[in-house]
Amino acid sequence: MTLINHDPNSPLFWQGELPVTNRYTYGLAGEKFFRTLKEESKILGTYCPHCDHTYVPAAIFCERCLAKLDEWVDVGTRGEVDTYTILYVNLDGSPSETPQIIAFIRFGDGGLIHLLGEIDPEEIDFGMTVQAVFKPLTERIGSILDIVYFKPA
């Protein structure tokens, strides 16, 4: 790796590989959202009083008016199925023995994309209420996967 700078007025650049590593972080809103999900089994959103809009997952700024969002709200662990799809094929292209149901579950003015469980595909209705099923507290890591799936409420 060599630092090259032929012209003192030009920007510097590296030739070769950059010795850079990175780590994804949740950000301020994501940190609180996932910590509360892990430790308290609660789904949080943030509320914008100017736009009367609740963001789920939580955001730090309103995308409509750009106001800073500091009003956190517990949106509960029950949401409504807004839309869904049924997967009959695994990621490797092989047929799935058991279909997986992926749904957009509405909370507030937003929602989460997650698995539906304890339900047959023909029993799903748009607008049906579903309840989050959490992993045991000792198995949680602060991820959306701390929710195993959503089941009919």
Foldseek 3Di string as FASTA:
>chain_A
DDWDDPDPPDDIDDDDDDPDDDDDDLPDLLQVQLVCCLPPVFGKWFADPVVRFTDVVYDQADPPPRHGTDHMDGQAQKFFFADKDWDQADPVRHGDPDIWIWTFTDGTRGGDIFTEDPDDPVPDDGGFMWGFDADPSVPDDRDPVRGVHIYGD
